[in-house]
Amino acid sequence: MIMKVRPKAQNLLKQILEPLKPQMWHPETDLFHLNMSPQNKAVFSKDDPILSSKPEKADKETNTEKEIPDWEKMLACKVAVKPDTSSTSFLEFGRKMTKVTCKSDAQDKTEFVHVLCEERFSSGRYYWEIKPLIEPYTTKDGKTRKCSTSWYVGVTSESAEKKRKVPVNPQNGYWVLQYDRDKGYHVNDPSLTPVLVRDRFSKLGVFIDCEKHTLSFYDCDKQTHLYTFYNVPSTSPLIPVLSPGDKKEHTIIICQ
């Protein structure tokens, strides 16, 4: 028979555990967190104050809160972002302006190898899709396009530095999802934070909500949420930005 622990026993338990308080105390819930087996947990009623607690908050650093995207609503906001070719000299563009390719290995490490798009967002909601190459391919004219070993996609503030390379983080006016062969998927929010991606995706969804001041990224293959930036200001217009990386023939594709 399972017995409920009486208040006196609870007080005694706390007295026993008090010396361990620095290691075991959880400041958010003001409760002890015990590593108990299922059998031991069964001894305590769910109404006991030791085990009754509010759910722990999501870890803001790793952005672990769950989001279920409404794909119909996002697709209703879909736009086809268009590269502004005047914003870079390091990249070349396909005839339909959907393919962005690095011309050669970047020698000047002090300048950005990315392209800004023509759109400016300061109100409303917008959604667009990008395809980082996950397999090399050959164009009709025989050119080989390689998979990028590093790339990033997101938005930048109109007032941010555009030419001289600075860290792409919110402090410098960049909200981007990055991929690097060595570091994997990550964001700088504000320091390098890994983004959990269970399977390599072929298409990335980007959704900005200027009213809620959020920028979210989605795995379009599985229709799952990857990461959300919060407090993205739109007082200065936001510009879609993308980089295929700084190696020759590395390519990223804008979905129409």
Protein backbone atom coordinates (compact mmCIF):
# COMPACT_ATOMS: atom_id res chain seq x y z
CA MET A 1 0.00 0.00 0.00
CA ILE A 2 1.31 3.47 -0.90
CA MET A 3 1.24 5.92 1.99
CA LYS A 4 1.18 9.66 1.77
CA VAL A 5 4.08 11.38 3.55
CA ARG A 6 2.82 13.49 6.43
CA PRO A 7 3.88 17.13 6.94
CA LYS A 8 6.17 16.18 9.87
CA ALA A 9 7.97 13.68 7.66
CA GLN A 10 8.31 16.31 4.95
CA ASN A 11 9.92 18.71 7.43
CA LEU A 12 12.28 15.98 8.60
CA LEU A 13 13.25 15.26 4.98
CA LYS A 14 14.04 18.93 4.42
CA GLN A 15 16.20 19.02 7.56
CA ILE A 16 18.15 16.01 6.34
CA LEU A 17 18.67 17.56 2.91
CA GLU A 18 19.43 21.09 4.15
CA PRO A 19 23.26 20.59 4.08
CA LEU A 20 22.98 19.67 0.41
CA LYS A 21 20.95 22.79 -0.42
CA PRO A 22 23.71 24.62 -2.42
CA GLN A 23 23.94 21.71 -4.81
CA MET A 24 20.29 20.78 -5.03
CA TRP A 25 18.34 24.00 -4.64
CA HIS A 26 16.50 25.27 -7.71
CA PRO A 27 16.05 29.07 -7.45
CA GLU A 28 13.26 29.26 -10.06
CA THR A 29 10.87 26.95 -8.17
CA ASP A 30 12.31 27.22 -4.63
CA LEU A 31 12.18 23.43 -4.45
CA PHE A 32 14.56 20.54 -4.05
CA HIS A 33 15.10 18.46 -7.19
CA LEU A 34 15.71 14.84 -6.23
CA ASN A 35 16.98 12.03 -8.42
CA MET A 36 14.42 9.47 -7.35
CA SER A 37 13.56 6.16 -8.89
CA PRO A 38 9.96 5.62 -10.12
CA GLN A 39 9.35 3.47 -7.03
CA ASN A 40 10.45 6.23 -4.69
CA LYS A 41 8.45 8.86 -6.59
CA ALA A 42 5.33 6.77 -6.13
CA VAL A 43 5.62 7.18 -2.36
CA PHE A 44 4.92 10.90 -2.68
CA SER A 45 1.50 12.21 -3.58
CA LYS A 46 1.32 14.67 -6.49
CA ASP A 47 -0.25 17.09 -4.03
CA ASP A 48 2.81 17.17 -1.79
CA PRO A 49 4.49 20.59 -1.85
CA ILE A 50 7.93 19.03 -2.42
CA LEU A 51 6.87 17.53 -5.75
CA SER A 52 4.26 20.05 -6.80
CA SER A 53 5.96 22.71 -8.89
CA LYS A 54 5.37 24.91 -11.86
CA PRO A 55 6.91 23.75 -15.15
CA GLU A 56 10.46 24.94 -15.56
CA LYS A 57 10.92 27.79 -18.02
CA ALA A 58 12.41 27.07 -21.44
CA ASP A 59 16.11 27.74 -21.71
CA LYS A 60 16.36 31.10 -23.44
CA GLU A 61 19.96 30.49 -24.51
CA THR A 62 19.09 27.46 -26.59
CA ASN A 63 15.63 28.64 -27.66
CA THR A 64 14.01 25.34 -26.74
CA GLU A 65 10.39 26.39 -26.54
CA LYS A 66 8.19 24.54 -28.99
CA GLU A 67 6.54 26.27 -31.90
CA ILE A 68 4.03 24.67 -34.23
CA PRO A 69 4.10 26.60 -37.50
CA ASP A 70 0.89 27.40 -39.33
CA TRP A 71 2.07 26.73 -42.86
CA GLU A 72 -1.04 28.05 -44.58
CA LYS A 73 -0.71 31.41 -42.85
CA MET A 74 3.00 31.61 -43.56
CA LEU A 75 2.60 30.71 -47.22
CA ALA A 76 0.01 33.47 -47.51
CA CYS A 77 2.87 35.88 -46.65
CA LYS A 78 5.32 34.35 -49.13
CA VAL A 79 7.54 36.68 -51.14
CA ALA A 80 10.28 36.00 -53.69
CA VAL A 81 13.23 38.02 -52.42
CA LYS A 82 15.38 39.51 -55.18
CA PRO A 83 19.15 40.03 -54.80
CA ASP A 84 20.46 43.55 -55.19
CA THR A 85 23.45 42.85 -57.44
CA SER A 86 24.96 46.26 -56.72
CA SER A 87 25.51 45.29 -53.08
CA THR A 88 28.39 42.88 -53.80
CA SER A 89 31.23 42.23 -56.22
CA PHE A 90 32.14 38.78 -54.89
CA LEU A 91 29.07 36.91 -56.12
CA GLU A 92 27.48 36.04 -59.44
CA PHE A 93 23.81 35.44 -60.12
CA GLY A 94 21.84 33.07 -62.28
CA ARG A 95 19.80 34.36 -65.19
CA LYS A 96 16.57 34.27 -63.17
CA MET A 97 18.28 35.78 -60.13
CA THR A 98 17.55 32.67 -58.07
CA LYS A 99 21.08 31.24 -57.82
CA VAL A 100 23.77 33.05 -55.87
CA THR A 101 27.31 31.73 -56.35
CA CYS A 102 30.69 32.77 -55.01
CA LYS A 103 32.94 33.72 -57.96
CA SER A 104 36.23 32.67 -56.38
CA ASP A 105 37.84 31.98 -53.06
CA ALA A 106 37.56 35.24 -51.17
CA GLN A 107 40.99 36.80 -50.69
CA ASP A 108 39.83 39.89 -48.84
CA LYS A 109 38.82 38.60 -45.42
CA THR A 110 37.84 42.07 -44.21
CA GLU A 111 34.72 42.37 -46.42
CA PHE A 112 31.43 40.52 -46.35
CA VAL A 113 30.72 37.87 -48.99
CA HIS A 114 26.96 38.20 -48.97
CA VAL A 115 24.18 39.86 -50.93
CA LEU A 116 21.43 42.13 -49.71
CA CYS A 117 18.00 41.86 -51.28
CA GLU A 118 15.93 44.67 -52.72
CA GLU A 119 13.08 44.27 -50.23
CA ARG A 120 12.75 46.45 -47.13
CA PHE A 121 10.51 45.27 -44.27
CA SER A 122 9.31 47.55 -41.49
CA SER A 123 5.73 46.33 -41.01
CA GLY A 124 3.69 43.24 -41.76
CA ARG A 125 4.66 39.56 -42.10
CA TYR A 126 6.83 37.99 -44.78
CA TYR A 127 7.98 34.46 -45.58
CA TRP A 128 10.59 33.22 -48.07
CA GLU A 129 12.49 30.02 -48.73
CA ILE A 130 16.14 29.27 -49.43
CA LYS A 131 17.83 26.09 -50.67
CA PRO A 132 21.39 25.57 -49.45
CA LEU A 133 22.88 22.98 -51.80
CA ILE A 134 23.25 19.60 -50.13
CA GLU A 135 24.44 17.85 -53.31
CA PRO A 136 26.73 19.21 -56.07
CA TYR A 137 25.12 19.70 -59.46
CA THR A 138 26.14 20.66 -63.00
CA THR A 139 24.44 23.49 -64.86
CA LYS A 140 23.29 23.29 -68.50
CA ASP A 141 26.43 25.12 -69.62
CA GLY A 142 28.65 22.59 -67.84
CA LYS A 143 29.53 24.56 -64.71
CA THR A 144 29.77 22.68 -61.45
CA ARG A 145 28.06 24.11 -58.38
CA LYS A 146 29.39 22.92 -55.04
CA CYS A 147 27.78 22.50 -51.64
CA SER A 148 28.66 25.34 -49.31
CA THR A 149 30.82 24.46 -46.34
CA SER A 150 29.51 27.62 -44.68
CA TRP A 151 26.55 29.89 -45.36
CA TYR A 152 24.08 32.15 -43.58
CA VAL A 153 20.57 33.46 -44.17
CA GLY A 154 18.44 36.02 -42.34
CA VAL A 155 17.92 39.77 -42.15
CA THR A 156 20.03 42.81 -41.42
CA SER A 157 19.15 46.31 -40.34
CA GLU A 158 19.37 49.09 -42.90
CA SER A 159 21.65 50.94 -40.50
CA ALA A 160 24.07 48.00 -40.02
CA GLU A 161 27.58 47.78 -41.43
CA LYS A 162 27.34 46.26 -44.93
CA LYS A 163 30.86 46.18 -46.37
CA ARG A 164 33.46 45.87 -43.62
CA LYS A 165 33.10 42.46 -42.02
CA VAL A 166 31.81 42.44 -38.45
CA PRO A 167 30.39 39.54 -36.40
CA VAL A 168 26.91 38.70 -37.71
CA ASN A 169 24.99 39.05 -34.46
CA PRO A 170 22.08 41.19 -33.21
CA GLN A 171 24.46 43.67 -31.59
CA ASN A 172 25.74 44.52 -35.10
CA GLY A 173 22.29 44.45 -36.72
CA TYR A 174 22.33 40.88 -38.09
CA TRP A 175 19.83 38.16 -37.26
CA VAL A 176 20.90 35.08 -39.22
CA LEU A 177 20.97 31.30 -39.09
CA GLN A 178 24.45 30.03 -39.96
CA TYR A 179 25.90 26.73 -41.08
CA ASP A 180 29.55 25.79 -40.80
CA ARG A 181 31.00 22.36 -41.49
CA ASP A 182 32.95 22.45 -38.22
CA LYS A 183 30.41 24.23 -35.99
CA GLY A 184 27.20 22.88 -37.49
CA TYR A 185 23.99 24.96 -37.46
CA HIS A 186 24.13 27.87 -35.06
CA VAL A 187 23.15 31.46 -34.31
CA ASN A 188 24.93 34.27 -32.50
CA ASP A 189 22.30 35.34 -29.98
CA PRO A 190 24.40 37.02 -28.67
CA SER A 191 27.11 34.35 -28.34
CA LEU A 192 27.40 31.22 -30.50
CA THR A 193 24.39 29.02 -29.76
CA PRO A 194 23.97 25.60 -31.44
CA VAL A 195 20.68 24.96 -33.25
CA LEU A 196 19.42 21.39 -33.09
CA VAL A 197 18.85 19.97 -36.58
CA ARG A 198 18.08 16.24 -36.47
CA ASP A 199 18.31 15.64 -40.23
CA ARG A 200 19.88 17.66 -43.01
CA PHE A 201 17.17 19.65 -44.77
CA SER A 202 17.01 20.72 -48.41
CA LYS A 203 14.89 23.84 -47.93
CA LEU A 204 14.94 26.53 -45.23
CA GLY A 205 11.92 28.71 -44.44
CA VAL A 206 12.39 32.25 -43.09
CA PHE A 207 9.46 34.08 -41.47
CA ILE A 208 9.56 37.61 -40.13
CA ASP A 209 6.75 39.19 -38.13
CA CYS A 210 7.43 42.90 -37.76
CA GLU A 211 4.49 43.35 -35.35
CA LYS A 212 5.74 40.67 -32.95
CA HIS A 213 9.40 41.58 -33.63
CA THR A 214 10.34 37.95 -34.31
CA LEU A 215 12.37 36.19 -36.97
CA SER A 216 11.91 32.41 -37.23
CA PHE A 217 13.57 29.65 -39.22
CA TYR A 218 11.94 26.38 -40.26
CA ASP A 219 12.90 23.03 -41.74
CA CYS A 220 10.52 22.98 -44.73
CA ASP A 221 11.07 19.26 -45.38
CA LYS A 222 9.63 18.26 -42.01
CA GLN A 223 7.70 21.49 -41.38
CA THR A 224 9.37 21.95 -38.01
CA HIS A 225 10.63 24.98 -36.11
CA LEU A 226 14.40 25.46 -35.83
CA TYR A 227 14.98 28.79 -34.08
CA THR A 228 13.37 32.16 -33.31
CA PHE A 229 15.03 35.50 -32.65
CA TYR A 230 13.01 37.78 -30.38
CA ASN A 231 13.06 41.57 -29.99
CA VAL A 232 14.06 42.14 -33.61
CA PRO A 233 13.50 45.90 -34.02
CA SER A 234 11.86 47.17 -37.19
CA THR A 235 12.31 50.87 -36.49
CA SER A 236 15.04 50.73 -39.13
CA PRO A 237 13.90 48.71 -42.19
CA LEU A 238 15.03 45.09 -42.25
CA ILE A 239 16.68 43.65 -45.37
CA PRO A 240 16.91 39.96 -46.32
CA VAL A 241 20.56 38.92 -46.52
CA LEU A 242 22.17 35.67 -47.64
CA SER A 243 25.64 34.30 -48.12
CA PRO A 244 26.63 31.14 -50.02
CA GLY A 245 30.00 31.15 -48.29
CA ASP A 246 33.38 32.46 -49.40
CA LYS A 247 34.65 29.52 -51.50
CA LYS A 248 34.57 29.26 -55.30
CA GLU A 249 31.41 27.79 -56.83
CA HIS A 250 29.60 27.56 -53.51
CA THR A 251 25.94 28.24 -54.25
CA ILE A 252 22.69 29.02 -52.48
CA ILE A 253 19.29 29.12 -54.20
CA ILE A 254 16.31 31.41 -53.68
CA CYS A 255 13.02 29.56 -54.07
CA GLN A 256 10.37 31.25 -56.22
